[in-house]
Amino acid sequence: MNRSTADRSRQTGDDHLSLVIIIGSVHQGRSAAAAANWFARLACLHGGFDVDVIDLAHAHLPAAGPEHNGIRPPAVRELAPWLADADAFAVVTPQGAQGVPWALRNTVAWFHEEWRAKPVAFVSYGPGCTADELRQLFSAAGATPVRGAVDLPGDGEPFDARGRPLDPGHCEPAAERLLDDLAYWARPLRTARHA
């Protein structure tokens, strides 16, 4: 978990929205970290967002299950405030035949109020399609999935050695629209939650 690459500190008393970008893959050699950093840079340039990046590979959440009897382990308690403070989420995840990564599904299962009435968007890469499954998963958790998504093209690595998308003409306009959608939904939902 870290502050965005632009190191923007949270500004209280203004109209900034807190955007948490979640890296949903924990596998070695993943493209998710590069995709999250790229999207975080665009979110900072977009304006109006304070950006945090949460890498589930470093969260070390245990498997959610009934044996916990509602008691949250330390790793879950540590992550909870980051999610609770968010006004919006962007989930970066691979697409594939196996569906939503286990670490991401497990994270959604651990939290409840932290997702409620907050918009969530998806940035995905690789062959396959998990967007519908992600929307169902987050809808069931009480979040509000936005309609659009960013699908980074290609069957392999979608970024060059400097962390730039191989097809920026396709990806960057889609990311801008997605950020617009997140901002559009995050403000009224934040007002509704506080009311």
N, C-alpha and C. Protein backbone atom coordinates (compact mmCIF):
# COMPACT_ATOMS: atom_id res chain seq x y z
N MET A 1 0.85 -1.17 0.00
CA MET A 1 0.00 0.00 0.00
C MET A 1 0.89 1.22 0.00
N ASN A 2 0.63 2.11 -0.92
CA ASN A 2 1.47 3.29 -1.00
C ASN A 2 0.73 4.45 -1.62
N ARG A 3 1.24 5.63 -1.36
CA ARG A 3 0.73 6.83 -1.98
C ARG A 3 1.07 6.79 -3.46
N SER A 4 0.33 7.49 -4.28
CA SER A 4 0.53 7.42 -5.72
C SER A 4 1.92 7.91 -6.12
N THR A 5 2.27 7.65 -7.38
CA THR A 5 3.58 8.05 -7.87
C THR A 5 3.76 9.56 -7.86
N ALA A 6 2.67 10.30 -7.90
CA ALA A 6 2.76 11.76 -7.83
C ALA A 6 2.86 12.24 -6.40
N ASP A 7 2.76 11.32 -5.42
CA ASP A 7 2.91 11.63 -4.01
C ASP A 7 1.98 12.75 -3.58
N ARG A 8 0.74 12.67 -4.01
CA ARG A 8 -0.24 13.69 -3.62
C ARG A 8 -0.78 13.34 -2.26
N SER A 9 -0.60 14.21 -1.31
CA SER A 9 -1.13 13.96 0.02
C SER A 9 -2.61 14.29 0.04
N ARG A 10 -3.33 13.67 0.94
CA ARG A 10 -4.75 13.89 1.04
C ARG A 10 -5.03 15.32 1.44
N GLN A 11 -5.91 15.99 0.71
CA GLN A 11 -6.22 17.38 0.97
C GLN A 11 -7.62 17.45 1.56
N THR A 12 -7.69 17.84 2.83
CA THR A 12 -8.98 17.93 3.48
C THR A 12 -9.59 19.29 3.21
N GLY A 13 -10.92 19.34 3.24
CA GLY A 13 -11.61 20.60 3.07
C GLY A 13 -11.78 21.01 1.61
N ASP A 14 -11.33 20.22 0.66
CA ASP A 14 -11.56 20.55 -0.75
C ASP A 14 -12.47 19.49 -1.36
N ASP A 15 -12.62 19.55 -2.66
CA ASP A 15 -13.54 18.65 -3.32
C ASP A 15 -12.84 17.43 -3.91
N HIS A 16 -11.62 17.16 -3.46
CA HIS A 16 -10.90 16.01 -3.98
C HIS A 16 -11.58 14.71 -3.55
N LEU A 17 -11.52 13.75 -4.44
CA LEU A 17 -12.05 12.41 -4.19
C LEU A 17 -10.90 11.47 -3.91
N SER A 18 -11.12 10.56 -2.98
CA SER A 18 -10.12 9.55 -2.67
C SER A 18 -10.34 8.33 -3.56
N LEU A 19 -9.38 8.08 -4.45
CA LEU A 19 -9.44 6.94 -5.36
C LEU A 19 -8.42 5.90 -4.91
N VAL A 20 -8.89 4.70 -4.65
CA VAL A 20 -8.02 3.58 -4.29
C VAL A 20 -7.95 2.64 -5.48
N ILE A 21 -6.73 2.43 -5.97
CA ILE A 21 -6.48 1.50 -7.07
C ILE A 21 -6.00 0.19 -6.45
N ILE A 22 -6.69 -0.89 -6.75
CA ILE A 22 -6.38 -2.20 -6.16
C ILE A 22 -5.74 -3.08 -7.23
N ILE A 23 -4.53 -3.56 -6.94
CA ILE A 23 -3.86 -4.51 -7.83
C ILE A 23 -4.36 -5.90 -7.45
N GLY A 24 -5.18 -6.49 -8.32
CA GLY A 24 -5.89 -7.71 -7.97
C GLY A 24 -5.15 -9.01 -8.23
N SER A 25 -3.97 -8.94 -8.85
CA SER A 25 -3.20 -10.15 -9.13
C SER A 25 -1.99 -10.21 -8.20
N VAL A 26 -1.68 -11.40 -7.72
CA VAL A 26 -0.54 -11.56 -6.82
C VAL A 26 0.55 -12.44 -7.42
N HIS A 27 0.42 -12.80 -8.69
CA HIS A 27 1.35 -13.74 -9.32
C HIS A 27 2.64 -13.06 -9.73
N GLN A 28 3.73 -13.83 -9.73
CA GLN A 28 5.01 -13.34 -10.22
C GLN A 28 4.91 -13.01 -11.71
N GLY A 29 5.65 -12.01 -12.13
CA GLY A 29 5.69 -11.66 -13.54
C GLY A 29 4.42 -11.02 -14.06
N ARG A 30 3.58 -10.53 -13.18
CA ARG A 30 2.30 -9.95 -13.57
C ARG A 30 2.46 -8.58 -14.21
N SER A 31 1.50 -8.21 -15.03
CA SER A 31 1.46 -6.88 -15.64
C SER A 31 0.65 -5.90 -14.80
N ALA A 32 0.02 -6.38 -13.74
CA ALA A 32 -0.92 -5.56 -12.98
C ALA A 32 -0.25 -4.35 -12.34
N ALA A 33 0.98 -4.50 -11.85
CA ALA A 33 1.63 -3.35 -11.20
C ALA A 33 1.90 -2.25 -12.21
N ALA A 34 2.36 -2.59 -13.40
CA ALA A 34 2.59 -1.59 -14.44
C ALA A 34 1.28 -0.92 -14.84
N ALA A 35 0.21 -1.71 -14.96
CA ALA A 35 -1.09 -1.15 -15.32
C ALA A 35 -1.61 -0.22 -14.23
N ALA A 36 -1.43 -0.60 -12.97
CA ALA A 36 -1.89 0.24 -11.86
C ALA A 36 -1.11 1.54 -11.80
N ASN A 37 0.21 1.49 -11.99
CA ASN A 37 1.02 2.71 -11.97
C ASN A 37 0.64 3.64 -13.12
N TRP A 38 0.40 3.07 -14.30
CA TRP A 38 -0.04 3.86 -15.45
C TRP A 38 -1.37 4.54 -15.16
N PHE A 39 -2.33 3.79 -14.62
CA PHE A 39 -3.64 4.35 -14.34
C PHE A 39 -3.56 5.39 -13.21
N ALA A 40 -2.70 5.16 -12.23
CA ALA A 40 -2.53 6.13 -11.14
C ALA A 40 -1.99 7.45 -11.66
N ARG A 41 -1.03 7.39 -12.59
CA ARG A 41 -0.51 8.63 -13.18
C ARG A 41 -1.60 9.40 -13.90
N LEU A 42 -2.42 8.69 -14.67
CA LEU A 42 -3.52 9.35 -15.38
C LEU A 42 -4.53 9.93 -14.40
N ALA A 43 -4.80 9.23 -13.31
CA ALA A 43 -5.76 9.73 -12.32
C ALA A 43 -5.25 11.01 -11.66
N CYS A 44 -3.95 11.08 -11.39
CA CYS A 44 -3.37 12.29 -10.81
C CYS A 44 -3.43 13.45 -11.80
N LEU A 45 -3.18 13.16 -13.07
CA LEU A 45 -3.24 14.20 -14.10
C LEU A 45 -4.68 14.64 -14.36
N HIS A 46 -5.62 13.74 -14.15
CA HIS A 46 -7.03 14.03 -14.39
C HIS A 46 -7.51 15.18 -13.51
N GLY A 47 -7.00 15.24 -12.28
CA GLY A 47 -7.39 16.29 -11.34
C GLY A 47 -8.58 15.86 -10.50
N GLY A 48 -8.57 16.30 -9.25
CA GLY A 48 -9.69 16.00 -8.38
C GLY A 48 -9.59 14.69 -7.63
N PHE A 49 -8.56 13.90 -7.88
CA PHE A 49 -8.39 12.63 -7.19
C PHE A 49 -7.12 12.65 -6.33
N ASP A 50 -7.24 12.15 -5.12
CA ASP A 50 -6.09 11.76 -4.32
C ASP A 50 -6.00 10.25 -4.47
N VAL A 51 -4.84 9.75 -4.85
CA VAL A 51 -4.72 8.37 -5.31
C VAL A 51 -3.86 7.54 -4.36
N ASP A 52 -4.39 6.39 -3.98
CA ASP A 52 -3.64 5.37 -3.24
C ASP A 52 -3.64 4.10 -4.07
N VAL A 53 -2.54 3.36 -4.00
CA VAL A 53 -2.44 2.08 -4.69
C VAL A 53 -2.27 0.98 -3.64
N ILE A 54 -3.13 -0.01 -3.69
CA ILE A 54 -3.06 -1.15 -2.77
C ILE A 54 -2.72 -2.39 -3.59
N ASP A 55 -1.60 -3.00 -3.27
CA ASP A 55 -1.15 -4.22 -3.94
C ASP A 55 -1.51 -5.41 -3.05
N LEU A 56 -2.43 -6.24 -3.50
CA LEU A 56 -2.87 -7.36 -2.68
C LEU A 56 -1.75 -8.36 -2.40
N ALA A 57 -0.68 -8.32 -3.20
CA ALA A 57 0.46 -9.19 -2.92
C ALA A 57 1.13 -8.83 -1.60
N HIS A 58 0.93 -7.59 -1.15
CA HIS A 58 1.54 -7.14 0.11
C HIS A 58 0.53 -7.07 1.25
N ALA A 59 -0.73 -7.34 0.97
CA ALA A 59 -1.77 -7.24 2.01
C ALA A 59 -1.78 -8.46 2.92
N HIS A 60 -1.41 -9.63 2.40
CA HIS A 60 -1.30 -10.87 3.19
C HIS A 60 -2.61 -11.22 3.91
N LEU A 61 -3.73 -11.10 3.20
CA LEU A 61 -5.01 -11.43 3.82
C LEU A 61 -5.17 -12.95 3.90
N PRO A 62 -5.61 -13.45 5.05
CA PRO A 62 -5.89 -14.89 5.13
C PRO A 62 -7.18 -15.20 4.37
N ALA A 63 -7.42 -16.48 4.17
CA ALA A 63 -8.65 -16.88 3.48
C ALA A 63 -9.85 -16.53 4.35
N ALA A 64 -10.84 -15.87 3.74
CA ALA A 64 -12.07 -15.55 4.47
C ALA A 64 -12.87 -16.82 4.66
N GLY A 65 -13.49 -16.94 5.82
CA GLY A 65 -14.28 -18.14 6.07
C GLY A 65 -15.03 -18.05 7.38
N PRO A 66 -15.97 -18.95 7.60
CA PRO A 66 -16.81 -18.91 8.80
C PRO A 66 -16.04 -19.16 10.08
N GLU A 67 -14.84 -19.74 9.97
CA GLU A 67 -14.09 -20.06 11.19
C GLU A 67 -13.65 -18.80 11.93
N HIS A 68 -13.71 -17.64 11.28
CA HIS A 68 -13.29 -16.40 11.95
C HIS A 68 -14.39 -15.81 12.83
N ASN A 69 -15.63 -16.29 12.68
CA ASN A 69 -16.74 -15.85 13.53
C ASN A 69 -16.85 -14.34 13.65
N GLY A 70 -16.64 -13.64 12.54
CA GLY A 70 -16.79 -12.19 12.54
C GLY A 70 -15.60 -11.43 13.10
N ILE A 71 -14.56 -12.14 13.53
CA ILE A 71 -13.37 -11.48 14.08
C ILE A 71 -12.38 -11.23 12.95
N ARG A 72 -11.96 -10.01 12.81
CA ARG A 72 -11.04 -9.66 11.73
C ARG A 72 -9.59 -9.86 12.17
N PRO A 73 -8.83 -10.63 11.40
CA PRO A 73 -7.40 -10.80 11.69
C PRO A 73 -6.66 -9.46 11.50
N PRO A 74 -5.44 -9.35 12.03
CA PRO A 74 -4.69 -8.09 11.94
C PRO A 74 -4.53 -7.55 10.52
N ALA A 75 -4.25 -8.42 9.54
CA ALA A 75 -4.06 -7.94 8.17
C ALA A 75 -5.33 -7.31 7.62
N VAL A 76 -6.48 -7.86 7.99
CA VAL A 76 -7.76 -7.30 7.55
C VAL A 76 -8.01 -5.97 8.23
N ARG A 77 -7.72 -5.89 9.54
CA ARG A 77 -7.91 -4.62 10.27
C ARG A 77 -6.99 -3.53 9.72
N GLU A 78 -5.80 -3.90 9.27
CA GLU A 78 -4.86 -2.92 8.73
C GLU A 78 -5.34 -2.36 7.40
N LEU A 79 -5.93 -3.19 6.57
CA LEU A 79 -6.39 -2.74 5.26
C LEU A 79 -7.71 -1.98 5.33
N ALA A 80 -8.53 -2.28 6.31
CA ALA A 80 -9.88 -1.71 6.39
C ALA A 80 -9.92 -0.18 6.30
N PRO A 81 -9.08 0.59 7.02
CA PRO A 81 -9.19 2.05 6.93
C PRO A 81 -8.89 2.59 5.54
N TRP A 82 -7.98 1.96 4.81
CA TRP A 82 -7.66 2.40 3.45
C TRP A 82 -8.90 2.29 2.56
N LEU A 83 -9.62 1.18 2.70
CA LEU A 83 -10.82 0.99 1.90
C LEU A 83 -11.97 1.86 2.39
N ALA A 84 -12.09 2.00 3.71
CA ALA A 84 -13.18 2.81 4.27
C ALA A 84 -13.07 4.27 3.86
N ASP A 85 -11.85 4.79 3.75
CA ASP A 85 -11.64 6.19 3.40
C ASP A 85 -11.85 6.47 1.91
N ALA A 86 -11.93 5.45 1.11
CA ALA A 86 -12.05 5.64 -0.34
C ALA A 86 -13.43 6.17 -0.72
N ASP A 87 -13.44 7.04 -1.73
CA ASP A 87 -14.68 7.47 -2.36
C ASP A 87 -14.97 6.64 -3.61
N ALA A 88 -13.93 6.04 -4.18
CA ALA A 88 -14.07 5.26 -5.41
C ALA A 88 -12.93 4.26 -5.50
N PHE A 89 -13.16 3.21 -6.29
CA PHE A 89 -12.16 2.16 -6.49
C PHE A 89 -11.94 1.93 -7.97
N ALA A 90 -10.70 1.59 -8.31
CA ALA A 90 -10.37 1.06 -9.64
C ALA A 90 -9.62 -0.24 -9.41
N VAL A 91 -10.11 -1.31 -9.99
CA VAL A 91 -9.52 -2.63 -9.79
C VAL A 91 -8.76 -3.02 -11.05
N VAL A 92 -7.48 -3.33 -10.89
CA VAL A 92 -6.62 -3.73 -12.01
C VAL A 92 -6.44 -5.24 -11.91
N THR A 93 -6.82 -5.96 -12.96
CA THR A 93 -6.80 -7.41 -12.87
C THR A 93 -6.57 -8.05 -14.24
N PRO A 94 -5.95 -9.21 -14.26
CA PRO A 94 -5.85 -9.94 -15.53
C PRO A 94 -7.19 -10.57 -15.87
N GLN A 95 -7.38 -10.82 -17.16
CA GLN A 95 -8.52 -11.58 -17.62
C GLN A 95 -8.02 -12.96 -18.05
N GLY A 96 -8.83 -13.94 -17.84
CA GLY A 96 -8.41 -15.28 -18.23
C GLY A 96 -9.50 -16.29 -18.01
N ALA A 97 -9.22 -17.52 -18.41
CA ALA A 97 -10.22 -18.59 -18.32
C ALA A 97 -10.57 -18.91 -16.87
N GLN A 98 -9.67 -18.61 -15.94
CA GLN A 98 -9.92 -18.95 -14.54
C GLN A 98 -10.77 -17.92 -13.82
N GLY A 99 -11.13 -16.84 -14.50
CA GLY A 99 -12.02 -15.85 -13.90
C GLY A 99 -11.29 -14.89 -12.96
N VAL A 100 -12.04 -14.37 -11.99
CA VAL A 100 -11.51 -13.38 -11.06
C VAL A 100 -10.41 -14.02 -10.20
N PRO A 101 -9.24 -13.38 -10.07
CA PRO A 101 -8.18 -13.95 -9.25
C PRO A 101 -8.65 -14.21 -7.81
N TRP A 102 -8.15 -15.29 -7.23
CA TRP A 102 -8.57 -15.67 -5.88
C TRP A 102 -8.30 -14.56 -4.88
N ALA A 103 -7.13 -13.91 -4.95
CA ALA A 103 -6.80 -12.86 -3.98
C ALA A 103 -7.80 -11.72 -4.01
N LEU A 104 -8.28 -11.38 -5.19
CA LEU A 104 -9.27 -10.31 -5.32
C LEU A 104 -10.62 -10.75 -4.78
N ARG A 105 -11.03 -11.96 -5.13
CA ARG A 105 -12.30 -12.49 -4.63
C ARG A 105 -12.27 -12.57 -3.09
N ASN A 106 -11.16 -12.99 -2.53
CA ASN A 106 -11.00 -13.09 -1.09
C ASN A 106 -11.08 -11.72 -0.43
N THR A 107 -10.47 -10.71 -1.06
CA THR A 107 -10.51 -9.35 -0.51
C THR A 107 -11.93 -8.82 -0.47
N VAL A 108 -12.68 -9.04 -1.54
CA VAL A 108 -14.07 -8.59 -1.56
C VAL A 108 -14.85 -9.26 -0.44
N ALA A 109 -14.58 -10.54 -0.19
CA ALA A 109 -15.32 -11.28 0.83
C ALA A 109 -15.05 -10.77 2.24
N TRP A 110 -13.86 -10.25 2.50
CA TRP A 110 -13.50 -9.83 3.84
C TRP A 110 -14.19 -8.53 4.26
N PHE A 111 -14.58 -7.71 3.32
CA PHE A 111 -15.06 -6.38 3.67
C PHE A 111 -16.52 -6.22 3.24
N HIS A 112 -17.22 -5.35 3.96
CA HIS A 112 -18.64 -5.13 3.69
C HIS A 112 -18.94 -3.64 3.56
N GLU A 113 -18.99 -2.95 4.68
CA GLU A 113 -19.30 -1.51 4.66
C GLU A 113 -18.29 -0.72 3.85
N GLU A 114 -17.07 -1.21 3.77
CA GLU A 114 -16.02 -0.49 3.04
C GLU A 114 -16.34 -0.34 1.55
N TRP A 115 -17.13 -1.26 0.98
CA TRP A 115 -17.49 -1.20 -0.44
C TRP A 115 -18.80 -0.45 -0.67
N ARG A 116 -19.63 -0.37 0.34
CA ARG A 116 -21.02 0.03 0.16
C ARG A 116 -21.18 1.42 -0.44
N ALA A 117 -21.99 1.49 -1.50
CA ALA A 117 -22.36 2.75 -2.17
C ALA A 117 -21.15 3.54 -2.64
N LYS A 118 -20.17 2.83 -3.19
CA LYS A 118 -18.99 3.47 -3.77
C LYS A 118 -18.81 2.94 -5.20
N PRO A 119 -18.46 3.83 -6.14
CA PRO A 119 -18.27 3.36 -7.51
C PRO A 119 -16.98 2.58 -7.66
N VAL A 120 -17.03 1.57 -8.50
CA VAL A 120 -15.84 0.76 -8.78
C VAL A 120 -15.72 0.60 -10.29
N ALA A 121 -14.49 0.76 -10.78
CA ALA A 121 -14.20 0.62 -12.21
C ALA A 121 -13.15 -0.46 -12.38
N PHE A 122 -13.02 -0.97 -13.62
CA PHE A 122 -12.14 -2.09 -13.86
C PHE A 122 -11.17 -1.78 -15.00
N VAL A 123 -9.90 -2.09 -14.74
CA VAL A 123 -8.83 -2.00 -15.73
C VAL A 123 -8.30 -3.42 -15.89
N SER A 124 -8.44 -4.00 -17.07
CA SER A 124 -8.07 -5.40 -17.24
C SER A 124 -7.14 -5.57 -18.43
N TYR A 125 -6.45 -6.69 -18.45
CA TYR A 125 -5.50 -6.99 -19.52
C TYR A 125 -5.47 -8.49 -19.74
N GLY A 126 -5.05 -8.86 -20.93
CA GLY A 126 -4.93 -10.28 -21.27
C GLY A 126 -6.16 -10.81 -21.97
N PRO A 127 -6.06 -12.01 -22.51
CA PRO A 127 -7.20 -12.61 -23.22
C PRO A 127 -8.30 -13.04 -22.25
N GLY A 128 -9.50 -13.06 -22.73
CA GLY A 128 -10.61 -13.50 -21.90
C GLY A 128 -11.49 -12.33 -21.50
N CYS A 129 -12.46 -12.61 -20.66
CA CYS A 129 -13.39 -11.57 -20.22
C CYS A 129 -13.88 -11.91 -18.82
N THR A 130 -13.50 -11.10 -17.85
CA THR A 130 -13.98 -11.30 -16.48
C THR A 130 -14.79 -10.10 -16.01
N ALA A 131 -15.04 -9.12 -16.89
CA ALA A 131 -15.70 -7.88 -16.49
C ALA A 131 -17.09 -8.15 -15.91
N ASP A 132 -17.88 -9.01 -16.54
CA ASP A 132 -19.22 -9.29 -16.03
C ASP A 132 -19.17 -9.95 -14.66
N GLU A 133 -18.22 -10.87 -14.50
CA GLU A 133 -18.08 -11.54 -13.20
C GLU A 133 -17.65 -10.55 -12.13
N LEU A 134 -16.75 -9.62 -12.47
CA LEU A 134 -16.32 -8.60 -11.51
C LEU A 134 -17.49 -7.70 -11.12
N ARG A 135 -18.29 -7.31 -12.10
CA ARG A 135 -19.45 -6.45 -11.80
C ARG A 135 -20.42 -7.15 -10.85
N GLN A 136 -20.67 -8.42 -11.08
CA GLN A 136 -21.56 -9.17 -10.20
C GLN A 136 -20.98 -9.28 -8.80
N LEU A 137 -19.68 -9.55 -8.72
CA LEU A 137 -19.02 -9.72 -7.43
C LEU A 137 -19.11 -8.44 -6.60
N PHE A 138 -18.79 -7.30 -7.21
CA PHE A 138 -18.81 -6.05 -6.47
C PHE A 138 -20.23 -5.55 -6.22
N SER A 139 -21.15 -5.81 -7.14
CA SER A 139 -22.55 -5.45 -6.90
C SER A 139 -23.10 -6.19 -5.68
N ALA A 140 -22.78 -7.47 -5.58
CA ALA A 140 -23.24 -8.26 -4.44
C ALA A 140 -22.65 -7.75 -3.13
N ALA A 141 -21.48 -7.12 -3.20
CA ALA A 141 -20.84 -6.57 -2.01
C ALA A 141 -21.35 -5.17 -1.66
N GLY A 142 -22.24 -4.62 -2.50
CA GLY A 142 -22.81 -3.31 -2.20
C GLY A 142 -22.17 -2.16 -2.92
N ALA A 143 -21.15 -2.42 -3.74
CA ALA A 143 -20.51 -1.37 -4.52
C ALA A 143 -21.36 -1.05 -5.74
N THR A 144 -20.96 0.01 -6.45
CA THR A 144 -21.68 0.45 -7.64
C THR A 144 -20.75 0.41 -8.84
N PRO A 145 -20.69 -0.70 -9.57
CA PRO A 145 -19.81 -0.76 -10.74
C PRO A 145 -20.23 0.24 -11.80
N VAL A 146 -19.25 0.97 -12.35
CA VAL A 146 -19.55 1.89 -13.43
C VAL A 146 -19.61 1.11 -14.74
N ARG A 147 -20.23 1.70 -15.72
CA ARG A 147 -20.52 0.97 -16.96
C ARG A 147 -19.26 0.69 -17.78
N GLY A 148 -18.39 1.66 -17.92
CA GLY A 148 -17.22 1.50 -18.78
C GLY A 148 -16.13 0.67 -18.14
N ALA A 149 -15.08 0.43 -18.91
CA ALA A 149 -13.90 -0.30 -18.43
C ALA A 149 -12.74 0.02 -19.36
N VAL A 150 -11.54 -0.28 -18.91
CA VAL A 150 -10.36 -0.17 -19.76
C VAL A 150 -9.86 -1.58 -20.00
N ASP A 151 -9.86 -2.00 -21.25
CA ASP A 151 -9.33 -3.31 -21.63
C ASP A 151 -8.03 -3.08 -22.37
N LEU A 152 -6.92 -3.40 -21.72
CA LEU A 152 -5.62 -3.25 -22.37
C LEU A 152 -5.45 -4.39 -23.36
N PRO A 153 -5.20 -4.07 -24.62
CA PRO A 153 -5.20 -5.11 -25.66
C PRO A 153 -3.95 -5.97 -25.63
N GLY A 154 -4.07 -7.11 -26.28
CA GLY A 154 -2.91 -7.99 -26.45
C GLY A 154 -2.99 -9.23 -25.59
N ASP A 155 -2.38 -10.29 -26.10
CA ASP A 155 -2.34 -11.55 -25.35
C ASP A 155 -1.15 -11.63 -24.40
N GLY A 156 -0.18 -10.75 -24.60
CA GLY A 156 1.02 -10.78 -23.76
C GLY A 156 1.14 -9.51 -22.93
N GLU A 157 2.34 -9.02 -22.79
CA GLU A 157 2.65 -7.84 -22.00
C GLU A 157 2.09 -6.60 -22.71
N PRO A 158 1.15 -5.85 -22.06
CA PRO A 158 0.56 -4.68 -22.74
C PRO A 158 1.36 -3.39 -22.57
N PHE A 159 2.54 -3.46 -21.91
CA PHE A 159 3.34 -2.26 -21.65
C PHE A 159 4.75 -2.43 -22.17
N ASP A 160 5.37 -1.30 -22.50
CA ASP A 160 6.77 -1.35 -22.91
C ASP A 160 7.68 -1.32 -21.69
N ALA A 161 8.98 -1.28 -21.91
CA ALA A 161 9.95 -1.34 -20.81
C ALA A 161 9.86 -0.14 -19.88
N ARG A 162 9.29 0.97 -20.35
CA ARG A 162 9.17 2.17 -19.53
C ARG A 162 7.80 2.29 -18.87
N GLY A 163 6.99 1.25 -18.97
CA GLY A 163 5.69 1.24 -18.32
C GLY A 163 4.61 1.99 -19.06
N ARG A 164 4.79 2.20 -20.35
CA ARG A 164 3.79 2.88 -21.17
C ARG A 164 3.01 1.85 -21.96
N PRO A 165 1.70 2.06 -22.16
CA PRO A 165 0.91 1.09 -22.93
C PRO A 165 1.37 1.04 -24.38
N LEU A 166 1.32 -0.15 -24.95
CA LEU A 166 1.73 -0.33 -26.34
C LEU A 166 0.75 0.32 -27.31
N ASP A 167 -0.47 0.52 -26.86
CA ASP A 167 -1.48 1.14 -27.71
C ASP A 167 -2.13 2.31 -26.96
N PRO A 168 -1.40 3.41 -26.73
CA PRO A 168 -1.95 4.52 -25.95
C PRO A 168 -3.15 5.19 -26.62
N GLY A 169 -3.21 5.16 -27.95
CA GLY A 169 -4.33 5.76 -28.64
C GLY A 169 -5.66 5.13 -28.30
N HIS A 170 -5.63 3.86 -27.93
CA HIS A 170 -6.83 3.16 -27.52
C HIS A 170 -7.05 3.28 -26.00
N CYS A 171 -5.96 3.08 -25.24
CA CYS A 171 -6.08 2.95 -23.78
C CYS A 171 -6.33 4.28 -23.07
N GLU A 172 -5.62 5.32 -23.47
CA GLU A 172 -5.68 6.56 -22.69
C GLU A 172 -7.04 7.25 -22.80
N PRO A 173 -7.67 7.35 -23.99
CA PRO A 173 -9.03 7.92 -24.02
C PRO A 173 -10.03 7.10 -23.19
N ALA A 174 -9.88 5.77 -23.22
CA ALA A 174 -10.78 4.93 -22.42
C ALA A 174 -10.57 5.17 -20.93
N ALA A 175 -9.31 5.36 -20.52
CA ALA A 175 -9.01 5.63 -19.12
C ALA A 175 -9.57 6.99 -18.70
N GLU A 176 -9.47 7.99 -19.56
CA GLU A 176 -10.02 9.32 -19.26
C GLU A 176 -11.53 9.24 -19.06
N ARG A 177 -12.21 8.51 -19.93
CA ARG A 177 -13.66 8.36 -19.79
C ARG A 177 -14.01 7.63 -18.49
N LEU A 178 -13.21 6.63 -18.16
CA LEU A 178 -13.46 5.87 -16.94
C LEU A 178 -13.28 6.75 -15.70
N LEU A 179 -12.25 7.58 -15.70
CA LEU A 179 -12.04 8.50 -14.59
C LEU A 179 -13.16 9.52 -14.49
N ASP A 180 -13.64 9.99 -15.64
CA ASP A 180 -14.80 10.90 -15.63
C ASP A 180 -16.01 10.21 -14.99
N ASP A 181 -16.24 8.96 -15.36
CA ASP A 181 -17.37 8.21 -14.80
C ASP A 181 -17.22 8.02 -13.29
N LEU A 182 -16.01 7.69 -12.85
CA LEU A 182 -15.78 7.52 -11.41
C LEU A 182 -16.07 8.82 -10.66
N ALA A 183 -15.59 9.94 -11.17
CA ALA A 183 -15.83 11.22 -10.52
C ALA A 183 -17.32 11.56 -10.52
N TYR A 184 -17.97 11.29 -11.64
CA TYR A 184 -19.40 11.60 -11.77
C TYR A 184 -20.22 10.88 -10.70
N TRP A 185 -19.91 9.60 -10.46
CA TRP A 185 -20.66 8.82 -9.49
C TRP A 185 -20.17 9.01 -8.06
N ALA A 186 -18.89 9.25 -7.88
CA ALA A 186 -18.33 9.29 -6.52
C ALA A 186 -18.88 10.45 -5.70
N ARG A 187 -19.05 11.61 -6.32
CA ARG A 187 -19.49 12.77 -5.54
C ARG A 187 -20.91 12.61 -4.98
N PRO A 188 -21.91 12.29 -5.81
CA PRO A 188 -23.25 12.13 -5.20
C PRO A 188 -23.35 10.95 -4.25
N LEU A 189 -22.62 9.88 -4.53
CA LEU A 189 -22.65 8.74 -3.61
C LEU A 189 -22.00 9.09 -2.28
N ARG A 190 -20.93 9.89 -2.31
CA ARG A 190 -20.30 10.34 -1.06
C ARG A 190 -21.29 11.19 -0.27
N THR A 191 -21.99 12.09 -0.94
CA THR A 191 -22.99 12.92 -0.26
C THR A 191 -24.08 12.06 0.36
N ALA A 192 -24.54 11.06 -0.39
CA ALA A 192 -25.59 10.18 0.11
C ALA A 192 -25.12 9.38 1.32
N ARG A 193 -23.88 8.88 1.29
CA ARG A 193 -23.37 8.12 2.43
C ARG A 193 -23.28 9.00 3.67
N HIS A 194 -22.81 10.23 3.50
CA HIS A 194 -22.67 11.11 4.66
C HIS A 194 -24.01 11.54 5.20
N ALA A 195 -25.02 11.60 4.33
CA ALA A 195 -26.36 11.98 4.80
C ALA A 195 -27.04 10.85 5.56
